Amino acid sequence: MSMATPRRYQFDNQLPALHTPQPLVHRPEPLMSPAAAEQAVTVVQHIHHAPPDRTVQRVALGAGMGAGAVAGAVYFGPLLVAALSSMAISLAVVALVIVVTAWGVVTVVRSIGGADGKAAAKTLRRKG
């Protein structure tokens, strides 16, 4: 029977970790002359753009409104966009159905009606 410490976890490694020290490497860098230091001016400029979905929240906070306005913007902003997009898509589908139906009716009236059908199709096209 061995008196080894029981493993607490399935992946416990009973062996000690080998430590191999990395050699230190010194890389000297030449110093800049004072004239070069004055000429080389590095400007670090960070440009931050607010993401478009945060605009309402920033306006609400900037206007002195409370967290309720911000929470409302967070919740109802995307909801409003989704609802408007859904309505626009529905209206576009309805318009497409109306156009296809009108085109079909005009084509059928022209092909079946003969001369009277062509005159009726012209009348229908002018009114539609």
N, C-alpha and C. Protein backbone atom coordinates (compact mmCIF):
# COMPACT_ATOMS: atom_id res chain seq x y z
N MET A 1 0.84 -1.19 0.00
CA MET A 1 0.00 0.00 0.00
C MET A 1 0.88 1.24 0.00
N SER A 2 0.52 2.13 -0.85
CA SER A 2 1.30 3.36 -0.89
C SER A 2 0.59 4.42 -0.05
N MET A 3 1.38 5.29 0.54
CA MET A 3 0.83 6.34 1.40
C MET A 3 0.84 7.69 0.68
N ALA A 4 0.67 7.67 -0.63
CA ALA A 4 0.68 8.91 -1.40
C ALA A 4 -0.59 9.71 -1.10
N THR A 5 -0.45 10.99 -1.26
CA THR A 5 -1.60 11.87 -1.04
C THR A 5 -2.65 11.58 -2.12
N PRO A 6 -3.90 11.42 -1.75
CA PRO A 6 -4.91 11.13 -2.76
C PRO A 6 -5.09 12.34 -3.69
N ARG A 7 -5.41 12.05 -4.92
CA ARG A 7 -5.61 13.13 -5.88
C ARG A 7 -6.94 13.81 -5.63
N ARG A 8 -6.92 15.13 -5.58
CA ARG A 8 -8.15 15.87 -5.35
C ARG A 8 -8.96 15.99 -6.63
N TYR A 9 -8.27 16.19 -7.73
CA TYR A 9 -8.94 16.38 -9.01
C TYR A 9 -8.42 15.35 -10.00
N GLN A 10 -9.14 15.15 -11.04
CA GLN A 10 -8.76 14.15 -12.02
C GLN A 10 -7.44 14.50 -12.70
N PHE A 11 -7.18 15.78 -12.90
CA PHE A 11 -6.00 16.18 -13.65
C PHE A 11 -4.86 16.65 -12.76
N ASP A 12 -4.89 16.37 -11.49
CA ASP A 12 -3.76 16.72 -10.63
C ASP A 12 -2.52 15.95 -11.07
N ASN A 13 -1.42 16.66 -11.15
CA ASN A 13 -0.15 16.03 -11.50
C ASN A 13 0.64 15.84 -10.22
N GLN A 14 1.00 14.61 -9.93
CA GLN A 14 1.70 14.31 -8.69
C GLN A 14 3.18 14.66 -8.76
N LEU A 15 3.69 14.85 -9.97
CA LEU A 15 5.10 15.14 -10.12
C LEU A 15 5.37 16.62 -9.95
N PRO A 16 6.52 16.99 -9.36
CA PRO A 16 6.84 18.41 -9.22
C PRO A 16 7.15 19.02 -10.59
N ALA A 17 6.81 20.29 -10.75
CA ALA A 17 7.05 20.98 -12.01
C ALA A 17 8.53 21.28 -12.17
N LEU A 18 9.04 21.03 -13.35
CA LEU A 18 10.44 21.32 -13.62
C LEU A 18 10.59 22.80 -13.95
N HIS A 19 11.55 23.44 -13.31
CA HIS A 19 11.76 24.87 -13.54
C HIS A 19 13.10 25.04 -14.23
N THR A 20 13.07 25.50 -15.46
CA THR A 20 14.31 25.77 -16.18
C THR A 20 14.42 27.28 -16.34
N PRO A 21 15.35 27.89 -15.65
CA PRO A 21 15.46 29.36 -15.74
C PRO A 21 15.96 29.77 -17.11
N GLN A 22 15.36 30.83 -17.62
CA GLN A 22 15.76 31.38 -18.92
C GLN A 22 16.97 32.28 -18.71
N PRO A 23 17.94 32.22 -19.60
CA PRO A 23 19.12 33.09 -19.44
C PRO A 23 18.75 34.55 -19.67
N LEU A 24 19.33 35.42 -18.88
CA LEU A 24 19.08 36.85 -19.04
C LEU A 24 19.92 37.37 -20.18
N VAL A 25 19.31 38.11 -21.06
CA VAL A 25 20.01 38.68 -22.21
C VAL A 25 19.93 40.19 -22.09
N HIS A 26 21.08 40.83 -22.11
CA HIS A 26 21.13 42.29 -22.04
C HIS A 26 21.36 42.83 -23.42
N ARG A 27 20.41 43.65 -23.89
CA ARG A 27 20.54 44.26 -25.21
C ARG A 27 20.65 45.77 -25.03
N PRO A 28 21.83 46.29 -25.07
CA PRO A 28 21.98 47.74 -24.87
C PRO A 28 21.44 48.51 -26.07
N GLU A 29 20.78 49.62 -25.79
CA GLU A 29 20.25 50.49 -26.83
C GLU A 29 20.99 51.82 -26.77
N PRO A 30 21.36 52.36 -27.92
CA PRO A 30 22.10 53.64 -27.89
C PRO A 30 21.18 54.77 -27.44
N LEU A 31 21.75 55.69 -26.71
CA LEU A 31 20.99 56.85 -26.25
C LEU A 31 20.86 57.86 -27.38
N MET A 32 19.72 58.56 -27.41
CA MET A 32 19.52 59.58 -28.43
C MET A 32 20.26 60.84 -28.04
N SER A 33 20.70 61.56 -29.05
CA SER A 33 21.33 62.84 -28.78
C SER A 33 20.25 63.84 -28.39
N PRO A 34 20.60 64.91 -27.68
CA PRO A 34 19.57 65.90 -27.29
C PRO A 34 18.86 66.51 -28.50
N ALA A 35 19.58 66.70 -29.60
CA ALA A 35 18.94 67.30 -30.78
C ALA A 35 17.91 66.34 -31.36
N ALA A 36 18.22 65.06 -31.40
CA ALA A 36 17.28 64.07 -31.93
C ALA A 36 16.08 63.92 -31.00
N ALA A 37 16.31 64.05 -29.70
CA ALA A 37 15.20 63.93 -28.74
C ALA A 37 14.22 65.08 -28.90
N GLU A 38 14.72 66.27 -29.23
CA GLU A 38 13.82 67.42 -29.41
C GLU A 38 13.03 67.29 -30.70
N GLN A 39 13.60 66.70 -31.71
CA GLN A 39 12.91 66.58 -32.99
C GLN A 39 11.88 65.47 -32.99
N ALA A 40 12.17 64.39 -32.32
CA ALA A 40 11.29 63.22 -32.35
C ALA A 40 10.23 63.36 -31.27
N VAL A 41 9.14 64.02 -31.61
CA VAL A 41 8.03 64.16 -30.67
C VAL A 41 6.94 63.19 -31.11
N THR A 42 6.61 62.27 -30.24
CA THR A 42 5.59 61.28 -30.55
C THR A 42 4.27 61.73 -29.95
N VAL A 43 3.27 61.85 -30.81
CA VAL A 43 1.94 62.23 -30.34
C VAL A 43 1.07 60.98 -30.36
N VAL A 44 0.57 60.63 -29.20
CA VAL A 44 -0.32 59.48 -29.10
C VAL A 44 -1.73 60.03 -28.96
N GLN A 45 -2.55 59.78 -29.97
CA GLN A 45 -3.90 60.33 -29.97
C GLN A 45 -4.89 59.18 -30.05
N HIS A 46 -5.76 59.12 -29.08
CA HIS A 46 -6.79 58.08 -29.05
C HIS A 46 -8.11 58.70 -29.47
N ILE A 47 -8.69 58.17 -30.52
CA ILE A 47 -9.97 58.67 -30.99
C ILE A 47 -11.02 57.65 -30.62
N HIS A 48 -11.98 58.08 -29.83
CA HIS A 48 -13.03 57.17 -29.38
C HIS A 48 -14.33 57.56 -30.04
N HIS A 49 -14.99 56.60 -30.62
CA HIS A 49 -16.30 56.82 -31.21
C HIS A 49 -17.32 56.02 -30.42
N ALA A 50 -18.40 56.66 -30.07
CA ALA A 50 -19.45 55.95 -29.35
C ALA A 50 -20.17 55.03 -30.32
N PRO A 51 -20.44 53.81 -29.92
CA PRO A 51 -21.22 52.94 -30.81
C PRO A 51 -22.62 53.52 -30.98
N PRO A 52 -23.25 53.27 -32.11
CA PRO A 52 -24.53 53.92 -32.38
C PRO A 52 -25.64 53.57 -31.40
N ASP A 53 -25.58 52.39 -30.78
CA ASP A 53 -26.67 52.02 -29.87
C ASP A 53 -26.53 52.70 -28.51
N ARG A 54 -25.45 53.42 -28.26
CA ARG A 54 -25.26 54.11 -26.98
C ARG A 54 -25.64 55.58 -27.04
N THR A 55 -26.00 56.08 -28.21
CA THR A 55 -26.23 57.52 -28.36
C THR A 55 -27.37 57.99 -27.48
N VAL A 56 -28.48 57.28 -27.48
CA VAL A 56 -29.64 57.70 -26.68
C VAL A 56 -29.29 57.68 -25.20
N GLN A 57 -28.52 56.68 -24.79
CA GLN A 57 -28.14 56.60 -23.38
C GLN A 57 -27.25 57.78 -22.99
N ARG A 58 -26.31 58.14 -23.87
CA ARG A 58 -25.42 59.26 -23.56
C ARG A 58 -26.19 60.58 -23.50
N VAL A 59 -27.15 60.74 -24.40
CA VAL A 59 -27.97 61.96 -24.38
C VAL A 59 -28.79 62.01 -23.11
N ALA A 60 -29.34 60.87 -22.71
CA ALA A 60 -30.16 60.83 -21.49
C ALA A 60 -29.32 61.17 -20.27
N LEU A 61 -28.12 60.63 -20.19
CA LEU A 61 -27.27 60.92 -19.03
C LEU A 61 -26.78 62.36 -19.07
N GLY A 62 -26.46 62.87 -20.27
CA GLY A 62 -25.98 64.24 -20.39
C GLY A 62 -27.05 65.26 -20.08
N ALA A 63 -28.30 64.91 -20.29
CA ALA A 63 -29.40 65.84 -20.03
C ALA A 63 -29.80 65.82 -18.55
N GLY A 64 -29.14 65.02 -17.75
CA GLY A 64 -29.44 64.98 -16.33
C GLY A 64 -30.55 64.03 -15.98
N MET A 65 -30.96 63.21 -16.90
CA MET A 65 -32.00 62.23 -16.60
C MET A 65 -31.39 61.10 -15.80
N GLY A 66 -32.20 60.34 -15.17
CA GLY A 66 -31.70 59.29 -14.29
C GLY A 66 -31.49 57.97 -14.98
N ALA A 67 -31.31 56.98 -14.16
CA ALA A 67 -31.04 55.64 -14.67
C ALA A 67 -32.26 55.04 -15.35
N GLY A 68 -33.45 55.53 -15.01
CA GLY A 68 -34.66 55.02 -15.65
C GLY A 68 -34.68 55.31 -17.14
N ALA A 69 -34.23 56.52 -17.50
CA ALA A 69 -34.18 56.88 -18.93
C ALA A 69 -33.16 56.02 -19.65
N VAL A 70 -32.04 55.78 -19.00
CA VAL A 70 -31.01 54.95 -19.62
C VAL A 70 -31.50 53.52 -19.77
N ALA A 71 -32.15 53.00 -18.75
CA ALA A 71 -32.68 51.64 -18.82
C ALA A 71 -33.75 51.55 -19.89
N GLY A 72 -34.57 52.60 -20.01
CA GLY A 72 -35.58 52.62 -21.07
C GLY A 72 -34.95 52.62 -22.45
N ALA A 73 -33.86 53.38 -22.60
CA ALA A 73 -33.17 53.42 -23.89
C ALA A 73 -32.53 52.07 -24.20
N VAL A 74 -31.99 51.44 -23.18
CA VAL A 74 -31.36 50.13 -23.39
C VAL A 74 -32.39 49.10 -23.79
N TYR A 75 -33.55 49.13 -23.17
CA TYR A 75 -34.56 48.11 -23.43
C TYR A 75 -35.39 48.43 -24.67
N PHE A 76 -35.91 49.66 -24.74
CA PHE A 76 -36.87 50.00 -25.79
C PHE A 76 -36.22 50.44 -27.09
N GLY A 77 -34.94 50.82 -27.07
CA GLY A 77 -34.26 51.22 -28.31
C GLY A 77 -34.22 50.09 -29.32
N PRO A 78 -33.60 48.96 -28.98
CA PRO A 78 -33.58 47.84 -29.94
C PRO A 78 -34.98 47.30 -30.24
N LEU A 79 -35.88 47.36 -29.25
CA LEU A 79 -37.24 46.89 -29.46
C LEU A 79 -37.95 47.74 -30.52
N LEU A 80 -37.75 49.06 -30.44
CA LEU A 80 -38.35 49.96 -31.42
C LEU A 80 -37.78 49.72 -32.81
N VAL A 81 -36.48 49.53 -32.90
CA VAL A 81 -35.85 49.26 -34.20
C VAL A 81 -36.39 47.96 -34.80
N ALA A 82 -36.53 46.94 -33.96
CA ALA A 82 -37.05 45.65 -34.44
C ALA A 82 -38.50 45.78 -34.91
N ALA A 83 -39.31 46.52 -34.17
CA ALA A 83 -40.72 46.68 -34.56
C ALA A 83 -40.85 47.45 -35.87
N LEU A 84 -40.08 48.53 -36.02
CA LEU A 84 -40.15 49.31 -37.26
C LEU A 84 -39.64 48.50 -38.46
N SER A 85 -38.59 47.74 -38.24
CA SER A 85 -38.07 46.89 -39.33
C SER A 85 -39.10 45.84 -39.73
N SER A 86 -39.77 45.27 -38.75
CA SER A 86 -40.78 44.25 -39.03
C SER A 86 -41.94 44.85 -39.83
N MET A 87 -42.37 46.05 -39.44
CA MET A 87 -43.47 46.69 -40.18
C MET A 87 -43.04 47.03 -41.60
N ALA A 88 -41.82 47.51 -41.77
CA ALA A 88 -41.35 47.87 -43.11
C ALA A 88 -41.28 46.64 -44.01
N ILE A 89 -40.81 45.53 -43.45
CA ILE A 89 -40.73 44.29 -44.24
C ILE A 89 -42.13 43.82 -44.61
N SER A 90 -43.07 43.89 -43.67
CA SER A 90 -44.44 43.47 -43.95
C SER A 90 -45.06 44.33 -45.05
N LEU A 91 -44.86 45.65 -44.97
CA LEU A 91 -45.41 46.53 -46.00
C LEU A 91 -44.76 46.27 -47.36
N ALA A 92 -43.48 45.97 -47.38
CA ALA A 92 -42.80 45.67 -48.64
C ALA A 92 -43.35 44.39 -49.27
N VAL A 93 -43.63 43.39 -48.45
CA VAL A 93 -44.20 42.14 -48.97
C VAL A 93 -45.61 42.38 -49.51
N VAL A 94 -46.40 43.17 -48.81
CA VAL A 94 -47.76 43.47 -49.28
C VAL A 94 -47.70 44.23 -50.60
N ALA A 95 -46.79 45.20 -50.71
CA ALA A 95 -46.65 45.95 -51.96
C ALA A 95 -46.24 45.04 -53.11
N LEU A 96 -45.33 44.11 -52.83
CA LEU A 96 -44.90 43.17 -53.87
C LEU A 96 -46.06 42.29 -54.32
N VAL A 97 -46.87 41.82 -53.39
CA VAL A 97 -48.03 40.99 -53.74
C VAL A 97 -49.01 41.79 -54.60
N ILE A 98 -49.24 43.05 -54.24
CA ILE A 98 -50.17 43.88 -55.02
C ILE A 98 -49.64 44.09 -56.44
N VAL A 99 -48.35 44.36 -56.59
CA VAL A 99 -47.77 44.58 -57.92
C VAL A 99 -47.86 43.31 -58.76
N VAL A 100 -47.53 42.18 -58.18
CA VAL A 100 -47.58 40.92 -58.93
C VAL A 100 -49.02 40.59 -59.32
N THR A 101 -49.97 40.82 -58.42
CA THR A 101 -51.37 40.55 -58.72
C THR A 101 -51.86 41.45 -59.85
N ALA A 102 -51.53 42.73 -59.80
CA ALA A 102 -51.97 43.66 -60.86
C ALA A 102 -51.35 43.26 -62.20
N TRP A 103 -50.07 42.90 -62.18
CA TRP A 103 -49.42 42.46 -63.42
C TRP A 103 -50.10 41.21 -63.98
N GLY A 104 -50.43 40.28 -63.10
CA GLY A 104 -51.11 39.06 -63.53
C GLY A 104 -52.48 39.35 -64.11
N VAL A 105 -53.24 40.23 -63.48
CA VAL A 105 -54.59 40.56 -63.98
C VAL A 105 -54.49 41.22 -65.34
N VAL A 106 -53.57 42.15 -65.51
CA VAL A 106 -53.41 42.83 -66.80
C VAL A 106 -53.01 41.84 -67.88
N THR A 107 -52.09 40.92 -67.56
CA THR A 107 -51.66 39.93 -68.54
C THR A 107 -52.79 39.00 -68.94
N VAL A 108 -53.58 38.56 -67.97
CA VAL A 108 -54.71 37.66 -68.27
C VAL A 108 -55.76 38.39 -69.10
N VAL A 109 -56.09 39.62 -68.75
CA VAL A 109 -57.11 40.38 -69.49
C VAL A 109 -56.64 40.61 -70.92
N ARG A 110 -55.36 40.91 -71.11
CA ARG A 110 -54.83 41.11 -72.46
C ARG A 110 -54.90 39.84 -73.30
N SER A 111 -54.52 38.72 -72.69
CA SER A 111 -54.45 37.48 -73.48
C SER A 111 -55.82 36.89 -73.76
N ILE A 112 -56.76 37.02 -72.85
CA ILE A 112 -58.08 36.39 -73.02
C ILE A 112 -59.04 37.33 -73.75
N GLY A 113 -58.98 38.60 -73.50
CA GLY A 113 -60.01 39.52 -73.96
C GLY A 113 -59.94 39.96 -75.39
N GLY A 114 -58.87 39.70 -76.11
CA GLY A 114 -58.77 40.15 -77.50
C GLY A 114 -58.61 41.66 -77.55
N ALA A 115 -59.28 42.29 -78.53
CA ALA A 115 -59.16 43.75 -78.70
C ALA A 115 -59.79 44.49 -77.53
N ASP A 116 -60.95 44.01 -77.07
CA ASP A 116 -61.58 44.65 -75.91
C ASP A 116 -60.71 44.49 -74.66
N GLY A 117 -60.06 43.35 -74.53
CA GLY A 117 -59.19 43.12 -73.37
C GLY A 117 -57.98 44.04 -73.37
N LYS A 118 -57.41 44.30 -74.56
CA LYS A 118 -56.26 45.20 -74.64
C LYS A 118 -56.67 46.62 -74.28
N ALA A 119 -57.87 47.03 -74.73
CA ALA A 119 -58.36 48.37 -74.38
C ALA A 119 -58.62 48.46 -72.88
N ALA A 120 -59.17 47.39 -72.29
CA ALA A 120 -59.42 47.38 -70.85
C ALA A 120 -58.11 47.39 -70.07
N ALA A 121 -57.09 46.70 -70.58
CA ALA A 121 -55.80 46.67 -69.91
C ALA A 121 -55.15 48.05 -69.95
N LYS A 122 -55.32 48.78 -71.07
CA LYS A 122 -54.78 50.13 -71.15
C LYS A 122 -55.47 51.04 -70.14
N THR A 123 -56.81 50.90 -70.05
CA THR A 123 -57.56 51.69 -69.09
C THR A 123 -57.14 51.37 -67.67
N LEU A 124 -56.95 50.07 -67.40
CA LEU A 124 -56.54 49.64 -66.05
C LEU A 124 -55.14 50.14 -65.73
N ARG A 125 -54.26 50.14 -66.74
CA ARG A 125 -52.90 50.59 -66.52
C ARG A 125 -52.87 52.09 -66.24
N ARG A 126 -53.72 52.89 -66.92
CA ARG A 126 -53.73 54.32 -66.70
C ARG A 126 -54.26 54.66 -65.30
N LYS A 127 -55.24 53.92 -64.82
CA LYS A 127 -55.82 54.20 -63.49
C LYS A 127 -54.94 53.69 -62.37
N GLY A 128 -54.20 52.61 -62.62
CA GLY A 128 -53.42 51.97 -61.56
C GLY A 128 -52.12 52.58 -61.31
